[in-house]
Amino acid sequence: MDEGMALLRAADREAWLALLWAPAPKRPALASALALDLELERVVAELSEPLVAEIRLAWWRERLADLARGATAPPQPLLRALASAGRAAGLDLHALARVEDALLPLLGTDAPDLACIAARRGAALGEALQPLVGAGGVSVLARRAMARFARRSFRNGAAVVRGLAAWRQGPAASFEAPDVPPPLLAGLDALARADLRALRCGRPLARAAGPGRQLALARAAFRLPLRARNW
């Protein structure tokens, strides 16, 4: 298995399953970018000291800037995958580094504006992936980012819970609009929309990678145009 896909499988099995429906040549770069996004999320969610988390995020930002300048990747699996598959596919590594900046507000103790954070995270990741997925990825990735707040436990979990409650009570955010996702992100979009609907209605989220979620991925794949299919 490609290194990027292996890293994504370890971090988020559902995202890995979604990419299995994508054309094989595009999987490594897509997987590497999504795995980096999840690693930055992990730093914010799990490190107990905000200062330590900021230092770790700064380290990732600097390494991504080095890669964007053409530097050789250090012996770190995710950076190696981004240097090989990501650069070859034309990923915008400067844009990818902005995911770190979008996540920084989560290190505070106040209830964060999760819709704003999700929109900024989706914008950074969508811009980075545009050479691969085309236009339209930003809204899909913002929906996915919003759903991740309910899928992962955060160090400041109480603040995130308050942020989710504020989002549920407010008007529907722009990333819930009925737009058409890029074909390569159709599966991820189907899962994110299902999560957001459940959150809005106060229902529990379906089990990650469970039968219902895998069926949603298959349905999204079979709705793809023939030219976008790899199977």
C-alpha atoms as a PDB file:
ATOM      1  CA  MET A   1       0.000   0.000   0.000  1.00  0.00           C
ATOM      2  CA  ASP A   2       1.178   3.540  -0.770  1.00  0.00           C
ATOM      3  CA  GLU A   3       2.645   5.323   2.275  1.00  0.00           C
ATOM      4  CA  GLY A   4       0.089   8.144   2.175  1.00  0.00           C
ATOM      5  CA  MET A   5      -2.816   5.703   2.012  1.00  0.00           C
ATOM      6  CA  ALA A   6      -1.337   3.646   4.855  1.00  0.00           C
ATOM      7  CA  LEU A   7      -1.031   6.766   7.031  1.00  0.00           C
ATOM      8  CA  LEU A   8      -4.594   7.811   6.238  1.00  0.00           C
ATOM      9  CA  ARG A   9      -5.907   4.324   7.010  1.00  0.00           C
ATOM     10  CA  ALA A  10      -4.318   4.510  10.455  1.00  0.00           C
ATOM     11  CA  ALA A  11      -5.718   7.993  11.121  1.00  0.00           C
ATOM     12  CA  ASP A  12      -9.214   7.769   9.611  1.00  0.00           C
ATOM     13  CA  ARG A  13     -10.440   4.478   8.178  1.00  0.00           C
ATOM     14  CA  GLU A  14     -13.544   6.105   6.691  1.00  0.00           C
ATOM     15  CA  ALA A  15     -11.534   8.617   4.681  1.00  0.00           C
ATOM     16  CA  TRP A  16      -9.301   5.787   3.497  1.00  0.00           C
ATOM     17  CA  LEU A  17     -12.357   3.794   2.385  1.00  0.00           C
ATOM     18  CA  ALA A  18     -13.687   6.861   0.556  1.00  0.00           C
ATOM     19  CA  LEU A  19     -10.442   7.252  -1.388  1.00  0.00           C
ATOM     20  CA  LEU A  20     -10.510   3.618  -2.507  1.00  0.00           C
ATOM     21  CA  TRP A  21     -13.202   4.749  -4.970  1.00  0.00           C
ATOM     22  CA  ALA A  22     -10.885   7.438  -6.405  1.00  0.00           C
ATOM     23  CA  PRO A  23      -8.606   6.869  -9.411  1.00  0.00           C
ATOM     24  CA  ALA A  24      -5.459   5.112  -8.191  1.00  0.00           C
ATOM     25  CA  PRO A  25      -2.973   7.716  -9.528  1.00  0.00           C
ATOM     26  CA  LYS A  26      -4.593  10.462  -7.445  1.00  0.00           C
ATOM     27  CA  ARG A  27      -4.905   8.555  -4.185  1.00  0.00           C
ATOM     28  CA  PRO A  28      -1.380   9.066  -2.768  1.00  0.00           C
ATOM     29  CA  ALA A  29      -1.469  12.861  -2.908  1.00  0.00           C
ATOM     30  CA  LEU A  30      -5.066  13.062  -1.687  1.00  0.00           C
ATOM     31  CA  ALA A  31      -4.327  10.674   1.161  1.00  0.00           C
ATOM     32  CA  SER A  32      -1.160  12.525   2.175  1.00  0.00           C
ATOM     33  CA  ALA A  33      -2.971  15.872   2.367  1.00  0.00           C
ATOM     34  CA  LEU A  34      -5.876  14.438   4.373  1.00  0.00           C
ATOM     35  CA  ALA A  35      -3.466  12.631   6.701  1.00  0.00           C
ATOM     36  CA  LEU A  36      -1.600  15.897   7.339  1.00  0.00           C
ATOM     37  CA  ASP A  37      -4.894  17.654   8.090  1.00  0.00           C
ATOM     38  CA  LEU A  38      -5.722  14.929  10.618  1.00  0.00           C
ATOM     39  CA  GLU A  39      -2.263  15.064  12.196  1.00  0.00           C
ATOM     40  CA  LEU A  40      -2.610  18.801  12.823  1.00  0.00           C
ATOM     41  CA  GLU A  41      -6.056  18.123  14.289  1.00  0.00           C
ATOM     42  CA  ARG A  42      -4.536  15.443  16.540  1.00  0.00           C
ATOM     43  CA  VAL A  43      -1.953  17.896  17.877  1.00  0.00           C
ATOM     44  CA  VAL A  44      -4.675  20.380  18.828  1.00  0.00           C
ATOM     45  CA  ALA A  45      -7.005  17.719  20.207  1.00  0.00           C
ATOM     46  CA  GLU A  46      -4.625  15.603  22.263  1.00  0.00           C
ATOM     47  CA  LEU A  47      -1.651  17.601  23.566  1.00  0.00           C
ATOM     48  CA  SER A  48      -2.459  18.657  27.109  1.00  0.00           C
ATOM     49  CA  GLU A  49      -0.466  21.919  27.138  1.00  0.00           C
ATOM     50  CA  PRO A  50      -1.527  24.603  24.624  1.00  0.00           C
ATOM     51  CA  LEU A  51       2.022  25.983  24.433  1.00  0.00           C
ATOM     52  CA  VAL A  52       3.406  22.567  23.524  1.00  0.00           C
ATOM     53  CA  ALA A  53       0.696  22.207  20.891  1.00  0.00           C
ATOM     54  CA  GLU A  54       1.588  25.613  19.413  1.00  0.00           C
ATOM     55  CA  ILE A  55       5.253  24.631  19.225  1.00  0.00           C
ATOM     56  CA  ARG A  56       4.349  21.375  17.488  1.00  0.00           C
ATOM     57  CA  LEU A  57       2.078  23.158  15.014  1.00  0.00           C
ATOM     58  CA  ALA A  58       4.850  25.668  14.274  1.00  0.00           C
ATOM     59  CA  TRP A  59       7.205  22.751  13.577  1.00  0.00           C
ATOM     60  CA  TRP A  60       4.783  21.347  10.989  1.00  0.00           C
ATOM     61  CA  ARG A  61       4.295  24.785   9.423  1.00  0.00           C
ATOM     62  CA  GLU A  62       8.059  25.245   9.033  1.00  0.00           C
ATOM     63  CA  ARG A  63       8.580  21.769   7.573  1.00  0.00           C
ATOM     64  CA  LEU A  64       5.781  22.350   5.039  1.00  0.00           C
ATOM     65  CA  ALA A  65       7.368  25.677   4.072  1.00  0.00           C
ATOM     66  CA  ASP A  66      10.661  23.844   3.543  1.00  0.00           C
ATOM     67  CA  LEU A  67       8.969  21.287   1.295  1.00  0.00           C
ATOM     68  CA  ALA A  68       7.250  24.056  -0.669  1.00  0.00           C
ATOM     69  CA  ARG A  69      10.698  25.538  -1.343  1.00  0.00           C
ATOM     70  CA  GLY A  70      11.876  22.192  -2.699  1.00  0.00           C
ATOM     71  CA  ALA A  71      13.844  20.975   0.313  1.00  0.00           C
ATOM     72  CA  THR A  72      14.458  17.294   0.899  1.00  0.00           C
ATOM     73  CA  ALA A  73      11.941  15.769   3.292  1.00  0.00           C
ATOM     74  CA  PRO A  74      13.241  14.767   6.742  1.00  0.00           C
ATOM     75  CA  PRO A  75      12.880  11.110   7.800  1.00  0.00           C
ATOM     76  CA  GLN A  76       9.251  11.495   8.814  1.00  0.00           C
ATOM     77  CA  PRO A  77       6.689   9.304   6.983  1.00  0.00           C
ATOM     78  CA  LEU A  78       4.038  11.950   6.385  1.00  0.00           C
ATOM     79  CA  LEU A  79       6.526  14.540   5.172  1.00  0.00           C
ATOM     80  CA  ARG A  80       8.106  11.952   2.878  1.00  0.00           C
ATOM     81  CA  ALA A  81       4.696  11.170   1.401  1.00  0.00           C
ATOM     82  CA  LEU A  82       3.924  14.863   0.862  1.00  0.00           C
ATOM     83  CA  ALA A  83       7.340  15.441  -0.708  1.00  0.00           C
ATOM     84  CA  SER A  84       6.959  12.590  -3.178  1.00  0.00           C
ATOM     85  CA  ALA A  85       3.288  12.205  -4.065  1.00  0.00           C
ATOM     86  CA  GLY A  86       2.174  15.691  -3.026  1.00  0.00           C
ATOM     87  CA  ARG A  87       4.746  17.683  -4.949  1.00  0.00           C
ATOM     88  CA  ALA A  88       4.402  15.428  -7.997  1.00  0.00           C
ATOM     89  CA  ALA A  89       0.637  16.059  -8.060  1.00  0.00           C
ATOM     90  CA  GLY A  90       1.038  19.818  -7.667  1.00  0.00           C
ATOM     91  CA  LEU A  91      -0.383  20.132  -4.144  1.00  0.00           C
ATOM     92  CA  ASP A  92      -0.175  23.690  -2.862  1.00  0.00           C
ATOM     93  CA  LEU A  93       1.900  23.112   0.255  1.00  0.00           C
ATOM     94  CA  HIS A  94       1.762  26.783   1.263  1.00  0.00           C
ATOM     95  CA  ALA A  95      -2.044  26.541   1.359  1.00  0.00           C
ATOM     96  CA  LEU A  96      -1.850  23.245   3.241  1.00  0.00           C
ATOM     97  CA  ALA A  97       0.230  24.919   5.942  1.00  0.00           C
ATOM     98  CA  ARG A  98      -2.659  27.333   6.591  1.00  0.00           C
ATOM     99  CA  VAL A  99      -4.666  24.475   8.105  1.00  0.00           C
ATOM    100  CA  GLU A 100      -2.451  24.976  11.159  1.00  0.00           C
ATOM    101  CA  ASP A 101      -3.464  28.625  11.461  1.00  0.00           C
ATOM    102  CA  ALA A 102      -7.154  27.726  11.137  1.00  0.00           C
ATOM    103  CA  LEU A 103      -6.916  25.292  14.057  1.00  0.00           C
ATOM    104  CA  LEU A 104      -5.104  27.599  16.483  1.00  0.00           C
ATOM    105  CA  PRO A 105      -8.305  29.063  18.043  1.00  0.00           C
ATOM    106  CA  LEU A 106      -9.102  25.588  19.388  1.00  0.00           C
ATOM    107  CA  LEU A 107      -6.222  25.933  21.844  1.00  0.00           C
ATOM    108  CA  GLY A 108      -8.131  28.562  23.829  1.00  0.00           C
ATOM    109  CA  THR A 109     -10.562  27.941  26.665  1.00  0.00           C
ATOM    110  CA  ASP A 110     -13.494  29.980  25.351  1.00  0.00           C
ATOM    111  CA  ALA A 111     -16.221  28.365  23.253  1.00  0.00           C
ATOM    112  CA  PRO A 112     -14.769  28.581  19.735  1.00  0.00           C
ATOM    113  CA  ASP A 113     -16.651  29.688  16.629  1.00  0.00           C
ATOM    114  CA  LEU A 114     -16.576  26.224  15.096  1.00  0.00           C
ATOM    115  CA  ALA A 115     -18.273  27.246  11.843  1.00  0.00           C
ATOM    116  CA  CYS A 116     -15.582  29.878  11.264  1.00  0.00           C
ATOM    117  CA  ILE A 117     -12.786  27.433  12.088  1.00  0.00           C
ATOM    118  CA  ALA A 118     -14.299  24.785   9.801  1.00  0.00           C
ATOM    119  CA  ALA A 119     -14.672  27.293   6.966  1.00  0.00           C
ATOM    120  CA  ARG A 120     -11.045  28.412   7.265  1.00  0.00           C
ATOM    121  CA  ARG A 121      -9.789  24.836   7.549  1.00  0.00           C
ATOM    122  CA  GLY A 122     -11.831  23.803   4.520  1.00  0.00           C
ATOM    123  CA  ALA A 123     -10.603  26.809   2.537  1.00  0.00           C
ATOM    124  CA  ALA A 124      -6.950  25.991   3.217  1.00  0.00           C
ATOM    125  CA  LEU A 125      -7.304  22.301   2.431  1.00  0.00           C
ATOM    126  CA  GLY A 126      -9.519  22.962  -0.596  1.00  0.00           C
ATOM    127  CA  GLU A 127      -6.984  25.372  -2.068  1.00  0.00           C
ATOM    128  CA  ALA A 128      -4.190  22.874  -1.485  1.00  0.00           C
ATOM    129  CA  LEU A 129      -6.138  20.111  -3.237  1.00  0.00           C
ATOM    130  CA  GLN A 130      -7.483  22.187  -6.122  1.00  0.00           C
ATOM    131  CA  PRO A 131      -4.925  20.847  -8.643  1.00  0.00           C
ATOM    132  CA  LEU A 132      -6.296  17.363  -7.914  1.00  0.00           C
ATOM    133  CA  VAL A 133     -10.017  17.833  -7.314  1.00  0.00           C
ATOM    134  CA  GLY A 134     -10.771  21.084  -9.120  1.00  0.00           C
ATOM    135  CA  ALA A 135     -13.052  23.824  -7.874  1.00  0.00           C
ATOM    136  CA  GLY A 136     -15.719  23.088  -5.300  1.00  0.00           C
ATOM    137  CA  GLY A 137     -13.619  21.257  -2.753  1.00  0.00           C
ATOM    138  CA  VAL A 138     -13.687  24.050  -0.193  1.00  0.00           C
ATOM    139  CA  SER A 139     -17.335  23.599   0.840  1.00  0.00           C
ATOM    140  CA  VAL A 140     -16.975  19.806   1.024  1.00  0.00           C
ATOM    141  CA  LEU A 141     -13.897  20.032   3.224  1.00  0.00           C
ATOM    142  CA  ALA A 142     -15.517  22.674   5.434  1.00  0.00           C
ATOM    143  CA  ARG A 143     -18.452  20.298   6.007  1.00  0.00           C
ATOM    144  CA  ARG A 144     -16.015  17.523   6.830  1.00  0.00           C
ATOM    145  CA  ALA A 145     -14.128  19.819   9.212  1.00  0.00           C
ATOM    146  CA  MET A 146     -17.362  20.708  11.024  1.00  0.00           C
ATOM    147  CA  ALA A 147     -18.287  17.053  11.376  1.00  0.00           C
ATOM    148  CA  ARG A 148     -14.839  16.244  12.783  1.00  0.00           C
ATOM    149  CA  PHE A 149     -15.618  18.341  15.873  1.00  0.00           C
ATOM    150  CA  ALA A 150     -18.221  15.751  16.846  1.00  0.00           C
ATOM    151  CA  ARG A 151     -16.191  12.741  15.704  1.00  0.00           C
ATOM    152  CA  ARG A 152     -13.072  13.448  17.788  1.00  0.00           C
ATOM    153  CA  SER A 153     -12.489  14.028  21.492  1.00  0.00           C
ATOM    154  CA  PHE A 154     -10.657  17.285  22.186  1.00  0.00           C
ATOM    155  CA  ARG A 155      -8.477  18.290  25.115  1.00  0.00           C
ATOM    156  CA  ASN A 156     -10.790  21.247  25.731  1.00  0.00           C
ATOM    157  CA  GLY A 157     -13.849  19.110  25.115  1.00  0.00           C
ATOM    158  CA  ALA A 158     -16.202  21.282  27.178  1.00  0.00           C
ATOM    159  CA  ALA A 159     -15.434  24.325  25.020  1.00  0.00           C
ATOM    160  CA  VAL A 160     -15.985  22.344  21.828  1.00  0.00           C
ATOM    161  CA  VAL A 161     -19.296  21.007  23.158  1.00  0.00           C
ATOM    162  CA  ARG A 162     -20.388  24.594  23.855  1.00  0.00           C
ATOM    163  CA  GLY A 163     -19.299  25.559  20.369  1.00  0.00           C
ATOM    164  CA  LEU A 164     -21.345  22.745  18.842  1.00  0.00           C
ATOM    165  CA  ALA A 165     -24.376  23.763  20.898  1.00  0.00           C
ATOM    166  CA  ALA A 166     -24.050  27.351  19.666  1.00  0.00           C
ATOM    167  CA  TRP A 167     -23.785  26.119  16.073  1.00  0.00           C
ATOM    168  CA  ARG A 168     -26.908  23.943  16.405  1.00  0.00           C
ATOM    169  CA  GLN A 169     -28.925  26.848  17.758  1.00  0.00           C
ATOM    170  CA  GLY A 170     -27.854  29.225  14.993  1.00  0.00           C
ATOM    171  CA  PRO A 171     -28.929  29.417  11.348  1.00  0.00           C
ATOM    172  CA  ALA A 172     -27.692  26.795   8.901  1.00  0.00           C
ATOM    173  CA  ALA A 173     -24.128  27.606   7.891  1.00  0.00           C
ATOM    174  CA  SER A 174     -23.169  28.232   4.278  1.00  0.00           C
ATOM    175  CA  PHE A 175     -21.305  24.940   4.074  1.00  0.00           C
ATOM    176  CA  GLU A 176     -24.614  23.105   4.405  1.00  0.00           C
ATOM    177  CA  ALA A 177     -25.772  24.443   1.022  1.00  0.00           C
ATOM    178  CA  PRO A 178     -26.926  21.824  -1.546  1.00  0.00           C
ATOM    179  CA  ASP A 179     -23.925  22.264  -3.849  1.00  0.00           C
ATOM    180  CA  VAL A 180     -22.470  19.515  -6.040  1.00  0.00           C
ATOM    181  CA  PRO A 181     -19.168  18.119  -4.710  1.00  0.00           C
ATOM    182  CA  PRO A 182     -16.164  17.382  -6.921  1.00  0.00           C
ATOM    183  CA  PRO A 183     -16.340  13.686  -7.937  1.00  0.00           C
ATOM    184  CA  LEU A 184     -13.183  12.761  -6.006  1.00  0.00           C
ATOM    185  CA  LEU A 185     -14.700  14.090  -2.767  1.00  0.00           C
ATOM    186  CA  ALA A 186     -18.251  12.772  -3.232  1.00  0.00           C
ATOM    187  CA  GLY A 187     -17.874   9.997  -0.651  1.00  0.00           C
ATOM    188  CA  LEU A 188     -16.392  12.259   2.008  1.00  0.00           C
ATOM    189  CA  ASP A 189     -19.157  14.765   1.323  1.00  0.00           C
ATOM    190  CA  ALA A 190     -21.886  12.151   1.772  1.00  0.00           C
ATOM    191  CA  LEU A 191     -20.491  11.175   5.174  1.00  0.00           C
ATOM    192  CA  ALA A 192     -20.046  14.776   6.328  1.00  0.00           C
ATOM    193  CA  ARG A 193     -23.590  15.727   5.315  1.00  0.00           C
ATOM    194  CA  ALA A 194     -24.984  12.746   7.218  1.00  0.00           C
ATOM    195  CA  ASP A 195     -23.070  13.802  10.327  1.00  0.00           C
ATOM    196  CA  LEU A 196     -24.230  17.415  10.089  1.00  0.00           C
ATOM    197  CA  ARG A 197     -27.856  16.341   9.694  1.00  0.00           C
ATOM    198  CA  ALA A 198     -27.553  14.162  12.799  1.00  0.00           C
ATOM    199  CA  LEU A 199     -25.937  17.001  14.757  1.00  0.00           C
ATOM    200  CA  ARG A 200     -28.656  19.449  13.764  1.00  0.00           C
ATOM    201  CA  CYS A 201     -31.376  17.033  14.862  1.00  0.00           C
ATOM    202  CA  GLY A 202     -29.629  15.982  18.074  1.00  0.00           C
ATOM    203  CA  ARG A 203     -29.275  12.368  16.940  1.00  0.00           C
ATOM    204  CA  PRO A 204     -26.233  10.239  17.790  1.00  0.00           C
ATOM    205  CA  LEU A 205     -23.698   9.871  15.005  1.00  0.00           C
ATOM    206  CA  ALA A 206     -23.574   6.574  13.125  1.00  0.00           C
ATOM    207  CA  ARG A 207     -20.638   4.312  13.958  1.00  0.00           C
ATOM    208  CA  ALA A 208     -17.554   5.253  11.968  1.00  0.00           C
ATOM    209  CA  ALA A 209     -16.889   2.845   9.074  1.00  0.00           C
ATOM    210  CA  GLY A 210     -20.035   0.912  10.007  1.00  0.00           C
ATOM    211  CA  PRO A 211     -22.209  -0.805   7.377  1.00  0.00           C
ATOM    212  CA  GLY A 212     -24.476   2.205   6.887  1.00  0.00           C
ATOM    213  CA  ARG A 213     -21.529   4.531   6.356  1.00  0.00           C
ATOM    214  CA  GLN A 214     -19.892   2.147   3.898  1.00  0.00           C
ATOM    215  CA  LEU A 215     -23.178   1.897   2.000  1.00  0.00           C
ATOM    216  CA  ALA A 216     -23.261   5.709   1.786  1.00  0.00           C
ATOM    217  CA  LEU A 217     -19.783   5.634   0.256  1.00  0.00           C
ATOM    218  CA  ALA A 218     -20.852   3.053  -2.307  1.00  0.00           C
ATOM    219  CA  ARG A 219     -23.952   5.043  -3.246  1.00  0.00           C
ATOM    220  CA  ALA A 220     -21.889   8.192  -3.700  1.00  0.00           C
ATOM    221  CA  ALA A 221     -19.425   6.300  -5.896  1.00  0.00           C
ATOM    222  CA  PHE A 222     -22.125   4.857  -8.144  1.00  0.00           C
ATOM    223  CA  ARG A 223     -23.495   8.356  -8.713  1.00  0.00           C
ATOM    224  CA  LEU A 224     -20.139   9.479 -10.120  1.00  0.00           C
ATOM    225  CA  PRO A 225     -19.813  10.196 -13.851  1.00  0.00           C
ATOM    226  CA  LEU A 226     -18.272   7.287 -15.736  1.00  0.00           C
ATOM    227  CA  ARG A 227     -15.112   9.299 -16.457  1.00  0.00           C
ATOM    228  CA  ALA A 228     -14.505   9.713 -12.725  1.00  0.00           C
ATOM    229  CA  ARG A 229     -14.778   6.043 -11.867  1.00  0.00           C
ATOM    230  CA  ASN A 230     -11.837   3.742 -11.283  1.00  0.00           C
ATOM    231  CA  TRP A 231     -13.617   0.405 -11.017  1.00  0.00           C
END
